[in-house]
Amino acid sequence: MAAYTFAALFLAHVLADYVLQTTWMVVNKRRAIAMAAHIGLVLGTMCLTTLTFNPWFLALAVAHLWIDIVKTYAMPEGLFAYIFDQLLHVASVAGIALLAPGIWPASPLAGVDNLPLYYMIAGGVLFAARGGQYAVATILARQGLGDSRGVLLGWFERAALCVVLIGGWPVFAGAVLAAKALYMGAKMPGRDTTSRNRLILGSGISLAWGLAVAIPLALVMPMMH
């Protein structure tokens, strides 16, 4: 049951951080009203994915608040702060799932077959696609290689890795990697040195992020059967 609860709370976190959080909330995180609005989303998405309310949701919302405060006020902006922030968020979700595995069985959605599996895939796809975009853009910008090319392709390849690995079809991960290699091989000859470096570095970061998200979530899947 802990894995089912994790799937529901993980999807809620991803929705709150990557889908429903607005640019205004991100830009104004140092303002109490923006931070409160974001934490309201965090609490609301947990109620949404479970169609219930549990006191543990308040504990997770408070943990999310403190993690965001530390990131906003005590850490410089950049990739390290971003990764550290997300690791703490996912760890707090896992901690609540272990402490209160009964959250999912108490949900009226608990009787829907395979719903936690779909939650896990959806959460992984969104986390890999949207979260990886920031990681790739940050590193490319530092190298002076950043631009908007390849964003949609990056979303697709990271999402595809999550679907095949979390869904239990690891053999198709090789197909995703092979397709990416063919794409790079076709695009490389027509690019200058800067564009080639961008393609190689961006592709490596993108695939690494996709695998780093998909593999741990895939390891949780045996607990869901």
C-alpha atoms as a PDB file:
ATOM      1  CA  MET A   1       0.000   0.000   0.000  1.00  0.00           C
ATOM      2  CA  ALA A   2       2.923   2.373   0.593  1.00  0.00           C
ATOM      3  CA  ALA A   3       3.801   2.226  -3.115  1.00  0.00           C
ATOM      4  CA  TYR A   4       0.208   3.061  -4.060  1.00  0.00           C
ATOM      5  CA  THR A   5       0.202   5.995  -1.658  1.00  0.00           C
ATOM      6  CA  PHE A   6       3.556   7.165  -3.009  1.00  0.00           C
ATOM      7  CA  ALA A   7       2.220   7.088  -6.583  1.00  0.00           C
ATOM      8  CA  ALA A   8      -0.754   9.295  -5.683  1.00  0.00           C
ATOM      9  CA  LEU A   9       1.288  11.784  -3.645  1.00  0.00           C
ATOM     10  CA  PHE A  10       4.103  11.867  -6.197  1.00  0.00           C
ATOM     11  CA  LEU A  11       1.692  12.744  -8.994  1.00  0.00           C
ATOM     12  CA  ALA A  12       0.194  15.432  -6.748  1.00  0.00           C
ATOM     13  CA  HIS A  13       3.658  16.930  -6.208  1.00  0.00           C
ATOM     14  CA  VAL A  14       4.428  16.935  -9.928  1.00  0.00           C
ATOM     15  CA  LEU A  15       1.095  18.575 -10.753  1.00  0.00           C
ATOM     16  CA  ALA A  16       1.660  21.271  -8.122  1.00  0.00           C
ATOM     17  CA  ASP A  17       5.260  22.004  -9.128  1.00  0.00           C
ATOM     18  CA  TYR A  18       5.222  21.535 -12.913  1.00  0.00           C
ATOM     19  CA  VAL A  19       1.681  21.809 -14.242  1.00  0.00           C
ATOM     20  CA  LEU A  20      -0.359  24.154 -12.058  1.00  0.00           C
ATOM     21  CA  GLN A  21       2.346  26.405 -10.629  1.00  0.00           C
ATOM     22  CA  THR A  22       2.238  29.644 -12.577  1.00  0.00           C
ATOM     23  CA  THR A  23       5.095  31.878 -13.683  1.00  0.00           C
ATOM     24  CA  TRP A  24       3.799  34.497 -11.227  1.00  0.00           C
ATOM     25  CA  MET A  25       4.218  32.038  -8.353  1.00  0.00           C
ATOM     26  CA  VAL A  26       7.768  31.191  -9.418  1.00  0.00           C
ATOM     27  CA  VAL A  27       8.866  34.794  -9.940  1.00  0.00           C
ATOM     28  CA  ASN A  28       7.275  36.000  -6.693  1.00  0.00           C
ATOM     29  CA  LYS A  29       8.275  33.102  -4.429  1.00  0.00           C
ATOM     30  CA  ARG A  30       9.740  35.561  -1.920  1.00  0.00           C
ATOM     31  CA  ARG A  31       6.303  37.116  -1.427  1.00  0.00           C
ATOM     32  CA  ALA A  32       4.145  35.436   1.211  1.00  0.00           C
ATOM     33  CA  ILE A  33       1.040  35.476  -0.988  1.00  0.00           C
ATOM     34  CA  ALA A  34       2.785  33.646  -3.841  1.00  0.00           C
ATOM     35  CA  MET A  35       4.307  31.060  -1.512  1.00  0.00           C
ATOM     36  CA  ALA A  36       0.929  30.545   0.165  1.00  0.00           C
ATOM     37  CA  ALA A  37      -0.768  30.101  -3.204  1.00  0.00           C
ATOM     38  CA  HIS A  38       1.772  27.459  -4.197  1.00  0.00           C
ATOM     39  CA  ILE A  39       1.415  25.555  -0.933  1.00  0.00           C
ATOM     40  CA  GLY A  40      -2.345  25.718  -1.414  1.00  0.00           C
ATOM     41  CA  LEU A  41      -1.824  23.963  -4.737  1.00  0.00           C
ATOM     42  CA  VAL A  42       0.348  21.347  -3.049  1.00  0.00           C
ATOM     43  CA  LEU A  43      -2.433  20.588  -0.572  1.00  0.00           C
ATOM     44  CA  GLY A  44      -5.144  20.744  -3.215  1.00  0.00           C
ATOM     45  CA  THR A  45      -3.453  18.344  -5.619  1.00  0.00           C
ATOM     46  CA  MET A  46      -3.120  15.723  -2.880  1.00  0.00           C
ATOM     47  CA  CYS A  47      -6.856  15.970  -2.314  1.00  0.00           C
ATOM     48  CA  LEU A  48      -7.376  15.786  -6.079  1.00  0.00           C
ATOM     49  CA  THR A  49      -5.356  12.614  -6.706  1.00  0.00           C
ATOM     50  CA  THR A  50      -6.971  10.793  -3.763  1.00  0.00           C
ATOM     51  CA  LEU A  51     -10.414  12.467  -3.708  1.00  0.00           C
ATOM     52  CA  THR A  52     -10.103  12.654   0.057  1.00  0.00           C
ATOM     53  CA  PHE A  53      -8.414  14.615   2.827  1.00  0.00           C
ATOM     54  CA  ASN A  54      -5.944  13.174   5.296  1.00  0.00           C
ATOM     55  CA  PRO A  55      -4.167  15.002   8.162  1.00  0.00           C
ATOM     56  CA  TRP A  56      -0.876  13.709   6.749  1.00  0.00           C
ATOM     57  CA  PHE A  57      -1.455  16.021   3.787  1.00  0.00           C
ATOM     58  CA  LEU A  58      -0.901  18.965   6.126  1.00  0.00           C
ATOM     59  CA  ALA A  59       2.401  17.473   7.284  1.00  0.00           C
ATOM     60  CA  LEU A  60       3.552  17.046   3.692  1.00  0.00           C
ATOM     61  CA  ALA A  61       2.437  20.570   2.781  1.00  0.00           C
ATOM     62  CA  VAL A  62       4.433  21.976   5.707  1.00  0.00           C
ATOM     63  CA  ALA A  63       7.476  19.948   4.639  1.00  0.00           C
ATOM     64  CA  HIS A  64       7.084  21.301   1.107  1.00  0.00           C
ATOM     65  CA  LEU A  65       6.892  24.834   2.502  1.00  0.00           C
ATOM     66  CA  TRP A  66      10.111  24.512   4.494  1.00  0.00           C
ATOM     67  CA  ILE A  67      11.979  22.950   1.590  1.00  0.00           C
ATOM     68  CA  ASP A  68      10.894  25.814  -0.662  1.00  0.00           C
ATOM     69  CA  ILE A  69      11.876  28.385   1.964  1.00  0.00           C
ATOM     70  CA  VAL A  70      15.361  26.881   2.254  1.00  0.00           C
ATOM     71  CA  LYS A  71      15.777  26.836  -1.527  1.00  0.00           C
ATOM     72  CA  THR A  72      14.433  30.370  -1.974  1.00  0.00           C
ATOM     73  CA  TYR A  73      16.272  32.125   0.836  1.00  0.00           C
ATOM     74  CA  ALA A  74      19.333  30.012   1.646  1.00  0.00           C
ATOM     75  CA  MET A  75      20.568  28.653  -1.681  1.00  0.00           C
ATOM     76  CA  PRO A  76      21.824  30.394  -4.831  1.00  0.00           C
ATOM     77  CA  GLU A  77      19.801  29.782  -7.974  1.00  0.00           C
ATOM     78  CA  GLY A  78      21.149  27.063 -10.218  1.00  0.00           C
ATOM     79  CA  LEU A  79      21.055  23.397 -11.086  1.00  0.00           C
ATOM     80  CA  PHE A  80      22.379  22.159  -7.727  1.00  0.00           C
ATOM     81  CA  ALA A  81      19.678  24.005  -5.787  1.00  0.00           C
ATOM     82  CA  TYR A  82      17.027  22.714  -8.175  1.00  0.00           C
ATOM     83  CA  ILE A  83      18.121  19.072  -7.899  1.00  0.00           C
ATOM     84  CA  PHE A  84      18.531  19.322  -4.115  1.00  0.00           C
ATOM     85  CA  ASP A  85      15.054  20.841  -3.836  1.00  0.00           C
ATOM     86  CA  GLN A  86      13.419  18.103  -5.877  1.00  0.00           C
ATOM     87  CA  LEU A  87      15.276  15.304  -4.100  1.00  0.00           C
ATOM     88  CA  LEU A  88      13.989  16.598  -0.770  1.00  0.00           C
ATOM     89  CA  HIS A  89      10.441  16.893  -2.103  1.00  0.00           C
ATOM     90  CA  VAL A  90      10.433  13.322  -3.435  1.00  0.00           C
ATOM     91  CA  ALA A  91      12.049  12.052  -0.232  1.00  0.00           C
ATOM     92  CA  SER A  92       9.348  13.750   1.854  1.00  0.00           C
ATOM     93  CA  VAL A  93       6.658  12.151  -0.324  1.00  0.00           C
ATOM     94  CA  ALA A  94       8.299   8.749   0.152  1.00  0.00           C
ATOM     95  CA  GLY A  95       8.570   9.338   3.898  1.00  0.00           C
ATOM     96  CA  ILE A  96       4.873  10.139   4.256  1.00  0.00           C
ATOM     97  CA  ALA A  97       3.996   7.107   2.113  1.00  0.00           C
ATOM     98  CA  LEU A  98       5.990   4.878   4.455  1.00  0.00           C
ATOM     99  CA  LEU A  99       4.593   6.479   7.613  1.00  0.00           C
ATOM    100  CA  ALA A 100       0.987   6.476   6.390  1.00  0.00           C
ATOM    101  CA  PRO A 101       0.532   3.742   3.746  1.00  0.00           C
ATOM    102  CA  GLY A 102      -3.178   3.672   4.526  1.00  0.00           C
ATOM    103  CA  ILE A 103      -3.770   6.958   2.713  1.00  0.00           C
ATOM    104  CA  TRP A 104      -4.486   5.215  -0.582  1.00  0.00           C
ATOM    105  CA  PRO A 105      -6.746   2.418   0.780  1.00  0.00           C
ATOM    106  CA  ALA A 106      -8.861   5.136   2.426  1.00  0.00           C
ATOM    107  CA  SER A 107      -9.384   6.862  -0.913  1.00  0.00           C
ATOM    108  CA  PRO A 108     -12.641   6.291  -2.817  1.00  0.00           C
ATOM    109  CA  LEU A 109     -10.421   5.740  -5.863  1.00  0.00           C
ATOM    110  CA  ALA A 110      -8.718   2.714  -4.291  1.00  0.00           C
ATOM    111  CA  GLY A 111     -11.115   0.371  -6.076  1.00  0.00           C
ATOM    112  CA  VAL A 112     -10.071   1.562  -9.549  1.00  0.00           C
ATOM    113  CA  ASP A 113      -7.856  -1.138 -11.034  1.00  0.00           C
ATOM    114  CA  ASN A 114      -4.299  -0.122 -11.926  1.00  0.00           C
ATOM    115  CA  LEU A 115      -4.894   3.560 -11.141  1.00  0.00           C
ATOM    116  CA  PRO A 116      -1.696   3.842  -9.024  1.00  0.00           C
ATOM    117  CA  LEU A 117       0.253   2.438 -11.984  1.00  0.00           C
ATOM    118  CA  TYR A 118      -1.183   5.110 -14.256  1.00  0.00           C
ATOM    119  CA  TYR A 119      -0.443   7.715 -11.585  1.00  0.00           C
ATOM    120  CA  MET A 120       3.174   6.586 -11.438  1.00  0.00           C
ATOM    121  CA  ILE A 121       3.582   6.702 -15.209  1.00  0.00           C
ATOM    122  CA  ALA A 122       1.906  10.120 -15.462  1.00  0.00           C
ATOM    123  CA  GLY A 123       3.996  11.518 -12.615  1.00  0.00           C
ATOM    124  CA  GLY A 124       7.201  10.121 -14.078  1.00  0.00           C
ATOM    125  CA  VAL A 125       6.452  11.411 -17.569  1.00  0.00           C
ATOM    126  CA  LEU A 126       5.700  14.934 -16.334  1.00  0.00           C
ATOM    127  CA  PHE A 127       8.649  14.987 -13.948  1.00  0.00           C
ATOM    128  CA  ALA A 128      11.055  13.763 -16.618  1.00  0.00           C
ATOM    129  CA  ALA A 129       9.738  15.915 -19.465  1.00  0.00           C
ATOM    130  CA  ARG A 130       9.221  19.223 -17.648  1.00  0.00           C
ATOM    131  CA  GLY A 131      11.853  18.826 -14.953  1.00  0.00           C
ATOM    132  CA  GLY A 132      14.515  17.735 -17.391  1.00  0.00           C
ATOM    133  CA  GLN A 133      13.904  20.781 -19.544  1.00  0.00           C
ATOM    134  CA  TYR A 134      15.221  23.061 -16.791  1.00  0.00           C
ATOM    135  CA  ALA A 135      18.296  20.898 -16.203  1.00  0.00           C
ATOM    136  CA  VAL A 136      19.212  20.823 -19.898  1.00  0.00           C
ATOM    137  CA  ALA A 137      18.614  24.553 -20.394  1.00  0.00           C
ATOM    138  CA  THR A 138      20.680  25.483 -17.335  1.00  0.00           C
ATOM    139  CA  ILE A 139      23.751  23.509 -18.362  1.00  0.00           C
ATOM    140  CA  LEU A 140      23.594  24.556 -22.002  1.00  0.00           C
ATOM    141  CA  ALA A 141      23.256  28.209 -21.003  1.00  0.00           C
ATOM    142  CA  ARG A 142      26.356  27.956 -18.818  1.00  0.00           C
ATOM    143  CA  GLN A 143      28.254  26.588 -21.798  1.00  0.00           C
ATOM    144  CA  GLY A 144      26.968  29.381 -24.011  1.00  0.00           C
ATOM    145  CA  LEU A 145      25.039  26.857 -26.098  1.00  0.00           C
ATOM    146  CA  GLY A 146      21.480  27.497 -24.987  1.00  0.00           C
ATOM    147  CA  ASP A 147      18.597  28.103 -27.383  1.00  0.00           C
ATOM    148  CA  SER A 148      15.089  26.727 -27.891  1.00  0.00           C
ATOM    149  CA  ARG A 149      15.874  24.005 -30.405  1.00  0.00           C
ATOM    150  CA  GLY A 150      15.146  20.425 -29.418  1.00  0.00           C
ATOM    151  CA  VAL A 151      12.836  21.199 -26.483  1.00  0.00           C
ATOM    152  CA  LEU A 152       9.895  19.142 -27.757  1.00  0.00           C
ATOM    153  CA  LEU A 153      12.158  16.280 -28.833  1.00  0.00           C
ATOM    154  CA  GLY A 154      13.696  16.302 -25.354  1.00  0.00           C
ATOM    155  CA  TRP A 155      10.260  16.107 -23.769  1.00  0.00           C
ATOM    156  CA  PHE A 156       9.355  13.180 -26.006  1.00  0.00           C
ATOM    157  CA  GLU A 157      12.502  11.123 -25.430  1.00  0.00           C
ATOM    158  CA  ARG A 158      12.431  11.553 -21.640  1.00  0.00           C
ATOM    159  CA  ALA A 159       8.706  10.774 -21.539  1.00  0.00           C
ATOM    160  CA  ALA A 160       9.225   7.701 -23.721  1.00  0.00           C
ATOM    161  CA  LEU A 161      11.923   6.364 -21.401  1.00  0.00           C
ATOM    162  CA  CYS A 162       9.575   6.756 -18.429  1.00  0.00           C
ATOM    163  CA  VAL A 163       6.672   5.048 -20.159  1.00  0.00           C
ATOM    164  CA  VAL A 164       8.661   1.990 -21.247  1.00  0.00           C
ATOM    165  CA  LEU A 165      10.615   1.547 -18.004  1.00  0.00           C
ATOM    166  CA  ILE A 166       7.859   2.299 -15.495  1.00  0.00           C
ATOM    167  CA  GLY A 167       5.378   0.385 -17.621  1.00  0.00           C
ATOM    168  CA  GLY A 168       7.580  -2.718 -17.439  1.00  0.00           C
ATOM    169  CA  TRP A 169       8.874  -2.833 -21.012  1.00  0.00           C
ATOM    170  CA  PRO A 170      12.632  -2.208 -20.566  1.00  0.00           C
ATOM    171  CA  VAL A 171      13.436  -3.792 -23.931  1.00  0.00           C
ATOM    172  CA  PHE A 172      11.903  -0.762 -25.629  1.00  0.00           C
ATOM    173  CA  ALA A 173      14.303   1.587 -23.813  1.00  0.00           C
ATOM    174  CA  GLY A 174      16.927   0.357 -26.251  1.00  0.00           C
ATOM    175  CA  ALA A 175      14.655   1.395 -29.104  1.00  0.00           C
ATOM    176  CA  VAL A 176      14.334   4.904 -27.663  1.00  0.00           C
ATOM    177  CA  LEU A 177      18.110   5.202 -27.345  1.00  0.00           C
ATOM    178  CA  ALA A 178      18.628   3.793 -30.847  1.00  0.00           C
ATOM    179  CA  ALA A 179      16.144   6.278 -32.320  1.00  0.00           C
ATOM    180  CA  LYS A 180      17.987   9.109 -30.586  1.00  0.00           C
ATOM    181  CA  ALA A 181      21.320   7.862 -31.939  1.00  0.00           C
ATOM    182  CA  LEU A 182      19.913   7.730 -35.478  1.00  0.00           C
ATOM    183  CA  TYR A 183      18.562  11.257 -35.103  1.00  0.00           C
ATOM    184  CA  MET A 184      21.918  12.537 -33.924  1.00  0.00           C
ATOM    185  CA  GLY A 185      23.689  10.748 -36.738  1.00  0.00           C
ATOM    186  CA  ALA A 186      21.379  12.341 -39.294  1.00  0.00           C
ATOM    187  CA  LYS A 187      21.633  15.857 -37.834  1.00  0.00           C
ATOM    188  CA  MET A 188      25.348  15.978 -37.013  1.00  0.00           C
ATOM    189  CA  PRO A 189      26.795  16.447 -40.532  1.00  0.00           C
ATOM    190  CA  GLY A 190      24.763  19.559 -41.292  1.00  0.00           C
ATOM    191  CA  ARG A 191      25.726  21.478 -38.133  1.00  0.00           C
ATOM    192  CA  ASP A 192      28.628  23.708 -37.195  1.00  0.00           C
ATOM    193  CA  THR A 193      30.879  22.976 -34.217  1.00  0.00           C
ATOM    194  CA  THR A 194      28.747  24.939 -31.721  1.00  0.00           C
ATOM    195  CA  SER A 195      25.532  23.239 -32.822  1.00  0.00           C
ATOM    196  CA  ARG A 196      27.182  19.813 -32.679  1.00  0.00           C
ATOM    197  CA  ASN A 197      28.418  20.434 -29.143  1.00  0.00           C
ATOM    198  CA  ARG A 198      24.943  21.585 -28.158  1.00  0.00           C
ATOM    199  CA  LEU A 199      23.360  18.473 -29.667  1.00  0.00           C
ATOM    200  CA  ILE A 200      25.796  16.106 -27.945  1.00  0.00           C
ATOM    201  CA  LEU A 201      25.719  17.782 -24.537  1.00  0.00           C
ATOM    202  CA  GLY A 202      21.979  18.430 -24.572  1.00  0.00           C
ATOM    203  CA  SER A 203      21.199  14.875 -25.652  1.00  0.00           C
ATOM    204  CA  GLY A 204      23.437  13.404 -22.963  1.00  0.00           C
ATOM    205  CA  ILE A 205      21.878  15.482 -20.193  1.00  0.00           C
ATOM    206  CA  SER A 206      18.353  14.816 -21.471  1.00  0.00           C
ATOM    207  CA  LEU A 207      18.776  11.046 -21.620  1.00  0.00           C
ATOM    208  CA  ALA A 208      20.581  10.970 -18.259  1.00  0.00           C
ATOM    209  CA  TRP A 209      17.727  12.901 -16.623  1.00  0.00           C
ATOM    210  CA  GLY A 210      15.115  10.629 -18.203  1.00  0.00           C
ATOM    211  CA  LEU A 211      16.893   7.505 -16.962  1.00  0.00           C
ATOM    212  CA  ALA A 212      17.534   9.015 -13.512  1.00  0.00           C
ATOM    213  CA  VAL A 213      13.791   9.588 -13.136  1.00  0.00           C
ATOM    214  CA  ALA A 214      12.536   6.395 -14.761  1.00  0.00           C
ATOM    215  CA  ILE A 215      14.830   3.792 -13.185  1.00  0.00           C
ATOM    216  CA  PRO A 216      14.045   4.521  -9.483  1.00  0.00           C
ATOM    217  CA  LEU A 217      10.321   4.694 -10.231  1.00  0.00           C
ATOM    218  CA  ALA A 218      10.551   1.436 -12.195  1.00  0.00           C
ATOM    219  CA  LEU A 219      12.174  -0.211  -9.164  1.00  0.00           C
ATOM    220  CA  VAL A 220       9.114   0.705  -7.095  1.00  0.00           C
ATOM    221  CA  MET A 221       6.772  -1.027  -9.525  1.00  0.00           C
ATOM    222  CA  PRO A 222       7.219  -4.600  -8.147  1.00  0.00           C
ATOM    223  CA  MET A 223       5.754  -3.329  -4.878  1.00  0.00           C
ATOM    224  CA  MET A 224       2.573  -2.358  -6.709  1.00  0.00           C
ATOM    225  CA  HIS A 225       1.517  -5.865  -7.709  1.00  0.00           C
END
